[in-house]
Amino acid sequence: MAPKTDPSPAKCASIISFFHTPPLTAYTIQQLEKQLPTNVPGLSGMQVKDFLTHLVGNSQICSEKIGSGNWYWHFPGAEGDGLKSKVDELRREVEGLRGNVEAAREEVESGRGVLEVEEERGRLERWLGGLGEEMEKLGRGGEGRVNEMRAEERVWRERVGVLEDNLQILLGFLKDAPEEAVEQLRAQVDIEDLE
């Protein structure tokens, strides 16, 4: 559940800096409820979960459900690596498009298909301009597509969590199920080994 009010940016920054202090590791919610109040001034153990929910929701820290508990972590430089690779990819696209624009200019100058080349050139220049704007956004912090990709990642992580829970339930059922029920299930789903 999201916090009722926006958490203090100063406390959020202190929590993130806590994750950057050695040892760089992942923590359970129980560990963070004990350690964060002693390391972040003005933060109580009851507020920890709200702050973590806010930071995970804004993709400022990472969270993963492992077994029955959630683990939280944030390693320095993790955000920058993704943004750098996206910027590099966009730069390669821009260079390729510039080559296409130059080829179109040469074709126009040679007099072949002037109208078609001009239309293609205009389309490529508009597309190039759009890529330039996207590169600028990524260079300033990557608000656009990067946040969309993080939202998609959260959805997939939730789906995997549900599937893991369902698998655990099924495995629990199979432990206590009679051998004949297990054999029927193997035959229905065509699975060799259900252990």
N, C-alpha and C. Protein backbone atom coordinates (compact mmCIF):
# COMPACT_ATOMS: atom_id res chain seq x y z
N MET A 1 0.84 -1.17 0.00
CA MET A 1 0.00 0.00 0.00
C MET A 1 0.88 1.24 0.00
N ALA A 2 0.54 2.22 -0.81
CA ALA A 2 1.33 3.44 -0.94
C ALA A 2 1.16 4.30 0.31
N PRO A 3 2.18 5.06 0.66
CA PRO A 3 2.07 5.95 1.80
C PRO A 3 1.01 7.01 1.57
N LYS A 4 0.43 7.52 2.69
CA LYS A 4 -0.64 8.51 2.58
C LYS A 4 -0.13 9.85 2.07
N THR A 5 1.11 10.18 2.39
CA THR A 5 1.71 11.42 1.89
C THR A 5 3.03 11.07 1.23
N ASP A 6 3.53 11.99 0.42
CA ASP A 6 4.82 11.76 -0.22
C ASP A 6 5.92 11.79 0.84
N PRO A 7 6.76 10.77 0.85
CA PRO A 7 7.86 10.75 1.82
C PRO A 7 8.85 11.88 1.57
N SER A 8 9.53 12.25 2.61
CA SER A 8 10.52 13.32 2.53
C SER A 8 11.65 12.94 1.58
N PRO A 9 11.97 13.81 0.61
CA PRO A 9 13.09 13.51 -0.30
C PRO A 9 14.41 13.32 0.44
N ALA A 10 14.60 14.05 1.53
CA ALA A 10 15.85 13.92 2.28
C ALA A 10 15.95 12.53 2.91
N LYS A 11 14.83 12.03 3.45
CA LYS A 11 14.86 10.69 4.04
C LYS A 11 15.04 9.64 2.95
N CYS A 12 14.40 9.85 1.80
CA CYS A 12 14.56 8.90 0.68
C CYS A 12 16.03 8.85 0.25
N ALA A 13 16.66 10.02 0.16
CA ALA A 13 18.08 10.07 -0.22
C ALA A 13 18.94 9.37 0.83
N SER A 14 18.59 9.54 2.12
CA SER A 14 19.34 8.87 3.18
C SER A 14 19.18 7.36 3.10
N ILE A 15 17.98 6.90 2.75
CA ILE A 15 17.76 5.46 2.61
C ILE A 15 18.59 4.91 1.46
N ILE A 16 18.59 5.62 0.34
CA ILE A 16 19.38 5.17 -0.81
C ILE A 16 20.87 5.16 -0.46
N SER A 17 21.33 6.17 0.26
CA SER A 17 22.75 6.19 0.64
C SER A 17 23.07 5.07 1.63
N PHE A 18 22.08 4.65 2.44
CA PHE A 18 22.28 3.48 3.31
C PHE A 18 22.61 2.25 2.48
N PHE A 19 21.91 2.07 1.35
CA PHE A 19 22.16 0.92 0.48
C PHE A 19 23.56 1.00 -0.15
N HIS A 20 24.13 2.20 -0.24
CA HIS A 20 25.44 2.37 -0.87
C HIS A 20 26.60 2.19 0.11
N THR A 21 26.30 2.08 1.42
CA THR A 21 27.37 1.90 2.39
C THR A 21 27.72 0.42 2.47
N PRO A 22 29.02 0.13 2.62
CA PRO A 22 29.43 -1.28 2.71
C PRO A 22 28.80 -1.96 3.92
N PRO A 23 28.45 -3.19 3.85
CA PRO A 23 28.57 -4.07 2.69
C PRO A 23 27.43 -3.84 1.72
N LEU A 24 27.72 -3.83 0.43
CA LEU A 24 26.69 -3.69 -0.59
C LEU A 24 25.98 -5.04 -0.71
N THR A 25 24.78 -5.10 -0.20
CA THR A 25 24.06 -6.36 -0.16
C THR A 25 22.56 -6.10 -0.25
N ALA A 26 21.80 -7.15 -0.34
CA ALA A 26 20.35 -7.07 -0.33
C ALA A 26 19.87 -7.31 1.10
N TYR A 27 18.77 -6.67 1.46
CA TYR A 27 18.24 -6.75 2.81
C TYR A 27 16.79 -7.22 2.78
N THR A 28 16.39 -7.93 3.84
CA THR A 28 14.98 -8.28 4.01
C THR A 28 14.28 -7.10 4.68
N ILE A 29 12.96 -7.13 4.66
CA ILE A 29 12.20 -6.05 5.28
C ILE A 29 12.48 -6.01 6.79
N GLN A 30 12.65 -7.18 7.41
CA GLN A 30 12.91 -7.23 8.84
C GLN A 30 14.26 -6.58 9.16
N GLN A 31 15.28 -6.85 8.35
CA GLN A 31 16.58 -6.25 8.57
C GLN A 31 16.51 -4.73 8.42
N LEU A 32 15.77 -4.27 7.41
CA LEU A 32 15.67 -2.83 7.17
C LEU A 32 14.86 -2.14 8.27
N GLU A 33 13.82 -2.81 8.79
CA GLU A 33 13.04 -2.20 9.87
C GLU A 33 13.89 -2.00 11.12
N LYS A 34 14.93 -2.81 11.30
CA LYS A 34 15.82 -2.65 12.45
C LYS A 34 16.95 -1.66 12.16
N GLN A 35 17.53 -1.71 10.96
CA GLN A 35 18.73 -0.94 10.68
C GLN A 35 18.46 0.48 10.19
N LEU A 36 17.41 0.69 9.40
CA LEU A 36 17.19 2.03 8.84
C LEU A 36 16.89 3.08 9.92
N PRO A 37 16.06 2.79 10.94
CA PRO A 37 15.81 3.84 11.95
C PRO A 37 17.08 4.31 12.66
N THR A 38 18.07 3.45 12.79
CA THR A 38 19.31 3.87 13.45
C THR A 38 20.23 4.63 12.51
N ASN A 39 20.03 4.49 11.20
CA ASN A 39 20.91 5.13 10.21
C ASN A 39 20.27 6.34 9.52
N VAL A 40 18.96 6.46 9.58
CA VAL A 40 18.26 7.58 8.93
C VAL A 40 17.57 8.39 10.02
N PRO A 41 18.02 9.61 10.27
CA PRO A 41 17.44 10.43 11.33
C PRO A 41 15.95 10.70 11.08
N GLY A 42 15.15 10.54 12.12
CA GLY A 42 13.73 10.87 12.04
C GLY A 42 12.88 9.80 11.39
N LEU A 43 13.42 8.62 11.16
CA LEU A 43 12.67 7.53 10.53
C LEU A 43 12.38 6.48 11.58
N SER A 44 11.10 6.12 11.71
CA SER A 44 10.74 5.08 12.67
C SER A 44 10.58 3.76 11.94
N GLY A 45 10.63 2.67 12.70
CA GLY A 45 10.49 1.34 12.12
C GLY A 45 9.16 1.15 11.42
N MET A 46 8.13 1.85 11.87
CA MET A 46 6.80 1.71 11.27
C MET A 46 6.71 2.41 9.91
N GLN A 47 7.58 3.38 9.68
CA GLN A 47 7.57 4.11 8.41
C GLN A 47 8.40 3.44 7.32
N VAL A 48 9.23 2.50 7.69
CA VAL A 48 10.19 1.90 6.75
C VAL A 48 9.47 1.30 5.55
N LYS A 49 8.40 0.53 5.81
CA LYS A 49 7.71 -0.15 4.70
C LYS A 49 7.12 0.88 3.73
N ASP A 50 6.55 1.98 4.25
CA ASP A 50 5.99 3.02 3.37
C ASP A 50 7.08 3.64 2.49
N PHE A 51 8.22 3.93 3.09
CA PHE A 51 9.32 4.52 2.32
C PHE A 51 9.83 3.55 1.26
N LEU A 52 9.98 2.28 1.63
CA LEU A 52 10.46 1.28 0.67
C LEU A 52 9.47 1.13 -0.48
N THR A 53 8.18 1.11 -0.17
CA THR A 53 7.15 1.02 -1.21
C THR A 53 7.25 2.20 -2.17
N HIS A 54 7.43 3.40 -1.62
CA HIS A 54 7.57 4.60 -2.45
C HIS A 54 8.81 4.51 -3.34
N LEU A 55 9.94 4.09 -2.77
CA LEU A 55 11.19 4.03 -3.54
C LEU A 55 11.13 2.94 -4.62
N VAL A 56 10.52 1.81 -4.31
CA VAL A 56 10.37 0.75 -5.31
C VAL A 56 9.42 1.22 -6.41
N GLY A 57 8.34 1.88 -6.03
CA GLY A 57 7.37 2.38 -7.00
C GLY A 57 7.96 3.40 -7.95
N ASN A 58 8.93 4.16 -7.50
CA ASN A 58 9.59 5.16 -8.35
C ASN A 58 10.88 4.62 -8.96
N SER A 59 11.10 3.32 -8.85
CA SER A 59 12.28 2.65 -9.42
C SER A 59 13.59 3.23 -8.90
N GLN A 60 13.58 3.66 -7.64
CA GLN A 60 14.82 4.19 -7.07
C GLN A 60 15.61 3.10 -6.36
N ILE A 61 14.92 2.03 -5.92
CA ILE A 61 15.59 0.85 -5.39
C ILE A 61 14.93 -0.36 -6.03
N CYS A 62 15.58 -1.51 -5.93
CA CYS A 62 15.05 -2.73 -6.52
C CYS A 62 14.47 -3.62 -5.43
N SER A 63 13.48 -4.41 -5.81
CA SER A 63 12.84 -5.34 -4.89
C SER A 63 12.56 -6.63 -5.61
N GLU A 64 12.69 -7.73 -4.90
CA GLU A 64 12.45 -9.04 -5.50
C GLU A 64 11.85 -9.92 -4.42
N LYS A 65 10.78 -10.62 -4.75
CA LYS A 65 10.20 -11.58 -3.82
C LYS A 65 10.95 -12.89 -4.00
N ILE A 66 11.62 -13.31 -2.95
CA ILE A 66 12.37 -14.56 -2.97
C ILE A 66 11.83 -15.40 -1.82
N GLY A 67 11.27 -16.54 -2.16
CA GLY A 67 10.65 -17.37 -1.14
C GLY A 67 9.43 -16.68 -0.58
N SER A 68 9.40 -16.53 0.73
CA SER A 68 8.23 -15.90 1.35
C SER A 68 8.48 -14.44 1.71
N GLY A 69 9.67 -13.93 1.44
CA GLY A 69 9.97 -12.55 1.81
C GLY A 69 10.44 -11.71 0.65
N ASN A 70 10.38 -10.40 0.83
CA ASN A 70 10.87 -9.46 -0.17
C ASN A 70 12.29 -9.03 0.21
N TRP A 71 13.13 -8.90 -0.80
CA TRP A 71 14.50 -8.43 -0.63
C TRP A 71 14.63 -7.10 -1.35
N TYR A 72 15.38 -6.18 -0.76
CA TYR A 72 15.54 -4.84 -1.31
C TYR A 72 17.03 -4.56 -1.47
N TRP A 73 17.39 -3.84 -2.57
CA TRP A 73 18.78 -3.47 -2.80
C TRP A 73 18.86 -2.31 -3.77
N HIS A 74 20.00 -1.68 -3.78
CA HIS A 74 20.31 -0.61 -4.75
C HIS A 74 21.82 -0.50 -4.80
N PHE A 75 22.39 -0.77 -5.95
CA PHE A 75 23.83 -0.69 -6.09
C PHE A 75 24.19 0.57 -6.85
N PRO A 76 25.25 1.27 -6.45
CA PRO A 76 25.63 2.50 -7.14
C PRO A 76 25.93 2.23 -8.61
N GLY A 77 25.46 3.11 -9.46
CA GLY A 77 25.76 3.01 -10.88
C GLY A 77 24.83 2.11 -11.66
N ALA A 78 23.90 1.42 -11.00
CA ALA A 78 23.02 0.48 -11.71
C ALA A 78 22.11 1.22 -12.69
N GLU A 79 21.63 2.40 -12.30
CA GLU A 79 20.74 3.15 -13.19
C GLU A 79 21.50 3.69 -14.40
N GLY A 80 22.71 4.16 -14.14
CA GLY A 80 23.49 4.78 -15.20
C GLY A 80 23.87 3.82 -16.31
N ASP A 81 24.11 2.54 -15.96
CA ASP A 81 24.49 1.56 -16.98
C ASP A 81 23.40 1.39 -18.02
N GLY A 82 22.15 1.28 -17.57
CA GLY A 82 21.03 1.12 -18.51
C GLY A 82 20.87 2.34 -19.39
N LEU A 83 21.01 3.51 -18.79
CA LEU A 83 20.87 4.74 -19.56
C LEU A 83 22.00 4.91 -20.56
N LYS A 84 23.21 4.54 -20.17
CA LYS A 84 24.35 4.66 -21.08
C LYS A 84 24.18 3.76 -22.30
N SER A 85 23.70 2.54 -22.06
CA SER A 85 23.52 1.63 -23.21
C SER A 85 22.42 2.15 -24.13
N LYS A 86 21.36 2.74 -23.57
CA LYS A 86 20.29 3.30 -24.40
C LYS A 86 20.81 4.50 -25.20
N VAL A 87 21.60 5.35 -24.57
CA VAL A 87 22.16 6.51 -25.27
C VAL A 87 23.09 6.04 -26.39
N ASP A 88 23.92 5.02 -26.12
CA ASP A 88 24.81 4.49 -27.16
C ASP A 88 24.01 3.92 -28.32
N GLU A 89 22.94 3.21 -28.01
CA GLU A 89 22.08 2.64 -29.07
C GLU A 89 21.47 3.76 -29.92
N LEU A 90 21.00 4.81 -29.27
CA LEU A 90 20.42 5.93 -30.01
C LEU A 90 21.47 6.65 -30.85
N ARG A 91 22.67 6.76 -30.34
CA ARG A 91 23.74 7.39 -31.12
C ARG A 91 24.03 6.59 -32.39
N ARG A 92 24.04 5.26 -32.26
CA ARG A 92 24.28 4.43 -33.45
C ARG A 92 23.15 4.61 -34.46
N GLU A 93 21.91 4.70 -33.97
CA GLU A 93 20.78 4.93 -34.87
C GLU A 93 20.91 6.27 -35.58
N VAL A 94 21.29 7.30 -34.82
CA VAL A 94 21.45 8.64 -35.40
C VAL A 94 22.52 8.62 -36.48
N GLU A 95 23.65 7.97 -36.22
CA GLU A 95 24.71 7.90 -37.22
C GLU A 95 24.24 7.18 -38.47
N GLY A 96 23.49 6.09 -38.30
CA GLY A 96 22.94 5.37 -39.45
C GLY A 96 22.00 6.25 -40.25
N LEU A 97 21.18 7.01 -39.54
CA LEU A 97 20.24 7.90 -40.23
C LEU A 97 20.97 9.04 -40.95
N ARG A 98 22.01 9.54 -40.34
CA ARG A 98 22.78 10.59 -41.01
C ARG A 98 23.38 10.06 -42.31
N GLY A 99 23.84 8.81 -42.28
CA GLY A 99 24.35 8.18 -43.50
C GLY A 99 23.26 8.08 -44.55
N ASN A 100 22.03 7.73 -44.12
CA ASN A 100 20.90 7.66 -45.05
C ASN A 100 20.58 9.03 -45.64
N VAL A 101 20.64 10.06 -44.79
CA VAL A 101 20.36 11.41 -45.26
C VAL A 101 21.42 11.84 -46.28
N GLU A 102 22.68 11.53 -45.99
CA GLU A 102 23.75 11.88 -46.92
C GLU A 102 23.58 11.14 -48.25
N ALA A 103 23.21 9.87 -48.18
CA ALA A 103 22.98 9.10 -49.41
C ALA A 103 21.83 9.71 -50.20
N ALA A 104 20.80 10.15 -49.50
CA ALA A 104 19.65 10.77 -50.18
C ALA A 104 20.08 12.08 -50.84
N ARG A 105 20.91 12.84 -50.16
CA ARG A 105 21.39 14.11 -50.75
C ARG A 105 22.19 13.84 -52.02
N GLU A 106 23.04 12.85 -51.99
CA GLU A 106 23.84 12.51 -53.17
C GLU A 106 22.93 12.07 -54.32
N GLU A 107 21.89 11.33 -54.00
CA GLU A 107 20.97 10.88 -55.04
C GLU A 107 20.20 12.07 -55.64
N VAL A 108 19.83 13.01 -54.78
CA VAL A 108 19.14 14.20 -55.26
C VAL A 108 20.06 14.98 -56.19
N GLU A 109 21.30 15.13 -55.78
CA GLU A 109 22.25 15.87 -56.60
C GLU A 109 22.50 15.19 -57.94
N SER A 110 22.41 13.88 -57.96
CA SER A 110 22.62 13.19 -59.23
C SER A 110 21.39 13.26 -60.13
N GLY A 111 20.26 13.71 -59.59
CA GLY A 111 19.08 13.93 -60.42
C GLY A 111 18.16 12.73 -60.54
N ARG A 112 18.43 11.61 -59.86
CA ARG A 112 17.56 10.44 -59.96
C ARG A 112 16.49 10.49 -58.89
N GLY A 113 15.25 10.36 -59.28
CA GLY A 113 14.12 10.28 -58.36
C GLY A 113 14.08 11.43 -57.38
N VAL A 114 14.18 12.64 -57.85
CA VAL A 114 14.30 13.80 -56.99
C VAL A 114 13.12 13.89 -56.01
N LEU A 115 11.92 13.75 -56.48
CA LEU A 115 10.75 13.89 -55.61
C LEU A 115 10.71 12.80 -54.54
N GLU A 116 10.95 11.55 -54.95
CA GLU A 116 10.93 10.45 -53.99
C GLU A 116 12.02 10.61 -52.94
N VAL A 117 13.18 11.03 -53.39
CA VAL A 117 14.30 11.20 -52.48
C VAL A 117 14.01 12.33 -51.49
N GLU A 118 13.40 13.40 -51.95
CA GLU A 118 13.07 14.52 -51.06
C GLU A 118 12.07 14.10 -50.00
N GLU A 119 11.06 13.33 -50.40
CA GLU A 119 10.08 12.84 -49.43
C GLU A 119 10.74 11.96 -48.38
N GLU A 120 11.59 11.05 -48.84
CA GLU A 120 12.31 10.16 -47.93
C GLU A 120 13.25 10.95 -47.02
N ARG A 121 13.90 11.94 -47.59
CA ARG A 121 14.80 12.78 -46.81
C ARG A 121 14.04 13.52 -45.71
N GLY A 122 12.89 14.06 -46.03
CA GLY A 122 12.08 14.77 -45.04
C GLY A 122 11.64 13.83 -43.92
N ARG A 123 11.20 12.63 -44.32
CA ARG A 123 10.78 11.65 -43.32
C ARG A 123 11.95 11.27 -42.40
N LEU A 124 13.11 11.03 -43.00
CA LEU A 124 14.27 10.65 -42.21
C LEU A 124 14.73 11.80 -41.31
N GLU A 125 14.66 13.02 -41.79
CA GLU A 125 15.07 14.15 -40.96
C GLU A 125 14.11 14.36 -39.79
N ARG A 126 12.81 14.14 -40.02
CA ARG A 126 11.85 14.24 -38.91
C ARG A 126 12.12 13.15 -37.88
N TRP A 127 12.38 11.95 -38.39
CA TRP A 127 12.67 10.84 -37.49
C TRP A 127 13.97 11.09 -36.73
N LEU A 128 14.96 11.62 -37.41
CA LEU A 128 16.23 11.97 -36.79
C LEU A 128 16.01 13.02 -35.70
N GLY A 129 15.17 14.00 -35.98
CA GLY A 129 14.88 15.02 -34.97
C GLY A 129 14.23 14.41 -33.74
N GLY A 130 13.31 13.47 -33.96
CA GLY A 130 12.67 12.79 -32.84
C GLY A 130 13.66 11.99 -32.02
N LEU A 131 14.60 11.34 -32.69
CA LEU A 131 15.63 10.59 -31.97
C LEU A 131 16.54 11.53 -31.18
N GLY A 132 16.82 12.69 -31.76
CA GLY A 132 17.64 13.66 -31.04
C GLY A 132 16.96 14.11 -29.75
N GLU A 133 15.63 14.34 -29.83
CA GLU A 133 14.90 14.73 -28.62
C GLU A 133 14.92 13.60 -27.59
N GLU A 134 14.76 12.36 -28.06
CA GLU A 134 14.78 11.23 -27.14
C GLU A 134 16.16 11.09 -26.50
N MET A 135 17.23 11.32 -27.28
CA MET A 135 18.57 11.27 -26.73
C MET A 135 18.76 12.34 -25.65
N GLU A 136 18.20 13.52 -25.90
CA GLU A 136 18.31 14.59 -24.90
C GLU A 136 17.61 14.19 -23.61
N LYS A 137 16.41 13.59 -23.75
CA LYS A 137 15.67 13.15 -22.56
C LYS A 137 16.49 12.12 -21.79
N LEU A 138 17.07 11.16 -22.50
CA LEU A 138 17.86 10.14 -21.83
C LEU A 138 19.11 10.74 -21.21
N GLY A 139 19.67 11.71 -21.85
CA GLY A 139 20.85 12.37 -21.31
C GLY A 139 20.55 13.15 -20.05
N ARG A 140 19.31 13.63 -19.90
CA ARG A 140 18.92 14.41 -18.73
C ARG A 140 18.38 13.54 -17.61
N GLY A 141 18.38 12.26 -17.72
CA GLY A 141 17.88 11.43 -16.62
C GLY A 141 16.99 10.32 -17.09
N GLY A 142 16.60 10.29 -18.34
CA GLY A 142 15.87 9.16 -18.88
C GLY A 142 14.46 9.02 -18.37
N GLU A 143 13.71 10.09 -18.30
CA GLU A 143 12.36 10.03 -17.76
C GLU A 143 11.40 9.24 -18.63
N GLY A 144 11.52 9.34 -19.95
CA GLY A 144 10.54 8.79 -20.88
C GLY A 144 10.45 7.28 -20.90
N ARG A 145 11.08 6.68 -21.86
CA ARG A 145 10.95 5.25 -22.13
C ARG A 145 11.51 4.40 -20.99
N VAL A 146 12.52 4.90 -20.30
CA VAL A 146 13.12 4.13 -19.22
C VAL A 146 12.08 3.84 -18.14
N ASN A 147 11.24 4.83 -17.79
CA ASN A 147 10.20 4.60 -16.79
C ASN A 147 9.16 3.62 -17.30
N GLU A 148 8.84 3.69 -18.59
CA GLU A 148 7.90 2.72 -19.16
C GLU A 148 8.47 1.32 -19.04
N MET A 149 9.76 1.17 -19.34
CA MET A 149 10.39 -0.15 -19.27
C MET A 149 10.42 -0.66 -17.82
N ARG A 150 10.62 0.23 -16.88
CA ARG A 150 10.62 -0.18 -15.47
C ARG A 150 9.22 -0.62 -15.05
N ALA A 151 8.20 0.09 -15.53
CA ALA A 151 6.82 -0.30 -15.21
C ALA A 151 6.52 -1.68 -15.79
N GLU A 152 6.96 -1.92 -17.03
CA GLU A 152 6.77 -3.24 -17.63
C GLU A 152 7.50 -4.31 -16.82
N GLU A 153 8.69 -3.99 -16.36
CA GLU A 153 9.45 -4.94 -15.56
C GLU A 153 8.71 -5.27 -14.27
N ARG A 154 8.11 -4.26 -13.59
CA ARG A 154 7.36 -4.51 -12.37
C ARG A 154 6.18 -5.43 -12.63
N VAL A 155 5.48 -5.22 -13.76
CA VAL A 155 4.34 -6.07 -14.09
C VAL A 155 4.80 -7.51 -14.28
N TRP A 156 5.89 -7.70 -15.00
CA TRP A 156 6.37 -9.07 -15.24
C TRP A 156 6.86 -9.71 -13.94
N ARG A 157 7.50 -8.92 -13.09
CA ARG A 157 7.95 -9.48 -11.81
C ARG A 157 6.75 -9.92 -10.97
N GLU A 158 5.66 -9.13 -10.99
CA GLU A 158 4.46 -9.52 -10.26
C GLU A 158 3.89 -10.81 -10.83
N ARG A 159 3.86 -10.92 -12.14
CA ARG A 159 3.35 -12.14 -12.76
C ARG A 159 4.19 -13.35 -12.39
N VAL A 160 5.51 -13.20 -12.39
CA VAL A 160 6.39 -14.29 -12.00
C VAL A 160 6.15 -14.67 -10.54
N GLY A 161 5.93 -13.68 -9.69
CA GLY A 161 5.64 -13.96 -8.28
C GLY A 161 4.39 -14.79 -8.12
N VAL A 162 3.34 -14.45 -8.87
CA VAL A 162 2.10 -15.22 -8.82
C VAL A 162 2.35 -16.65 -9.29
N LEU A 163 3.09 -16.80 -10.38
CA LEU A 163 3.39 -18.14 -10.89
C LEU A 163 4.21 -18.94 -9.89
N GLU A 164 5.17 -18.29 -9.23
CA GLU A 164 5.96 -18.99 -8.22
C GLU A 164 5.07 -19.44 -7.06
N ASP A 165 4.15 -18.58 -6.62
CA ASP A 165 3.23 -18.96 -5.55
C ASP A 165 2.37 -20.15 -5.97
N ASN A 166 1.85 -20.10 -7.20
CA ASN A 166 1.03 -21.21 -7.69
C ASN A 166 1.84 -22.50 -7.76
N LEU A 167 3.08 -22.42 -8.19
CA LEU A 167 3.93 -23.59 -8.26
C LEU A 167 4.18 -24.15 -6.87
N GLN A 168 4.41 -23.29 -5.89
CA GLN A 168 4.62 -23.75 -4.51
C GLN A 168 3.38 -24.46 -3.98
N ILE A 169 2.21 -23.92 -4.29
CA ILE A 169 0.95 -24.55 -3.86
C ILE A 169 0.83 -25.93 -4.50
N LEU A 170 1.10 -26.00 -5.81
CA LEU A 170 1.01 -27.27 -6.52
C LEU A 170 1.99 -28.29 -5.95
N LEU A 171 3.23 -27.87 -5.69
CA LEU A 171 4.22 -28.78 -5.13
C LEU A 171 3.82 -29.23 -3.73
N GLY A 172 3.23 -28.33 -2.93
CA GLY A 172 2.73 -28.71 -1.61
C GLY A 172 1.62 -29.74 -1.72
N PHE A 173 0.75 -29.58 -2.69
CA PHE A 173 -0.33 -30.54 -2.92
C PHE A 173 0.25 -31.89 -3.32
N LEU A 174 1.24 -31.87 -4.17
CA LEU A 174 1.80 -33.12 -4.68
C LEU A 174 2.54 -33.90 -3.59
N LYS A 175 3.09 -33.20 -2.59
CA LYS A 175 3.76 -33.90 -1.50
C LYS A 175 2.79 -34.79 -0.73
N ASP A 176 1.59 -34.25 -0.51
CA ASP A 176 0.61 -34.96 0.30
C ASP A 176 -0.35 -35.79 -0.55
N ALA A 177 -0.30 -35.69 -1.85
CA ALA A 177 -1.25 -36.38 -2.71
C ALA A 177 -0.88 -37.85 -2.85
N PRO A 178 -1.91 -38.70 -3.02
CA PRO A 178 -1.63 -40.12 -3.26
C PRO A 178 -0.91 -40.28 -4.60
N GLU A 179 -0.14 -41.37 -4.72
CA GLU A 179 0.66 -41.62 -5.91
C GLU A 179 -0.21 -41.67 -7.17
N GLU A 180 -1.42 -42.19 -7.05
CA GLU A 180 -2.28 -42.31 -8.25
C GLU A 180 -2.70 -40.93 -8.77
N ALA A 181 -2.91 -39.95 -7.86
CA ALA A 181 -3.25 -38.58 -8.29
C ALA A 181 -2.06 -37.93 -8.98
N VAL A 182 -0.86 -38.20 -8.48
CA VAL A 182 0.35 -37.66 -9.09
C VAL A 182 0.53 -38.24 -10.49
N GLU A 183 0.28 -39.55 -10.63
CA GLU A 183 0.40 -40.20 -11.95
C GLU A 183 -0.62 -39.62 -12.94
N GLN A 184 -1.86 -39.35 -12.46
CA GLN A 184 -2.87 -38.75 -13.34
C GLN A 184 -2.42 -37.36 -13.80
N LEU A 185 -1.88 -36.58 -12.89
CA LEU A 185 -1.42 -35.24 -13.24
C LEU A 185 -0.26 -35.31 -14.24
N ARG A 186 0.67 -36.25 -14.04
CA ARG A 186 1.77 -36.42 -14.99
C ARG A 186 1.23 -36.73 -16.39
N ALA A 187 0.24 -37.61 -16.44
CA ALA A 187 -0.32 -38.00 -17.74
C ALA A 187 -1.04 -36.82 -18.40
N GLN A 188 -1.73 -36.00 -17.61
CA GLN A 188 -2.49 -34.88 -18.17
C GLN A 188 -1.60 -33.77 -18.69
N VAL A 189 -0.54 -33.45 -17.96
CA VAL A 189 0.29 -32.33 -18.37
C VAL A 189 1.58 -32.76 -19.05
N ASP A 190 1.76 -34.08 -19.20
CA ASP A 190 2.90 -34.64 -19.93
C ASP A 190 4.23 -34.15 -19.33
N ILE A 191 4.37 -34.38 -18.03
CA ILE A 191 5.60 -33.99 -17.32
C ILE A 191 6.26 -35.27 -16.82
N GLU A 192 7.56 -35.38 -17.07
CA GLU A 192 8.30 -36.56 -16.66
C GLU A 192 8.50 -36.59 -15.13
N ASP A 193 8.96 -35.45 -14.57
CA ASP A 193 9.36 -35.42 -13.18
C ASP A 193 8.65 -34.27 -12.46
N LEU A 194 7.87 -34.58 -11.43
CA LEU A 194 7.13 -33.52 -10.71
C LEU A 194 7.70 -33.29 -9.32
N GLU A 195 8.95 -33.57 -9.10
CA GLU A 195 9.51 -33.41 -7.75
C GLU A 195 10.11 -32.04 -7.58
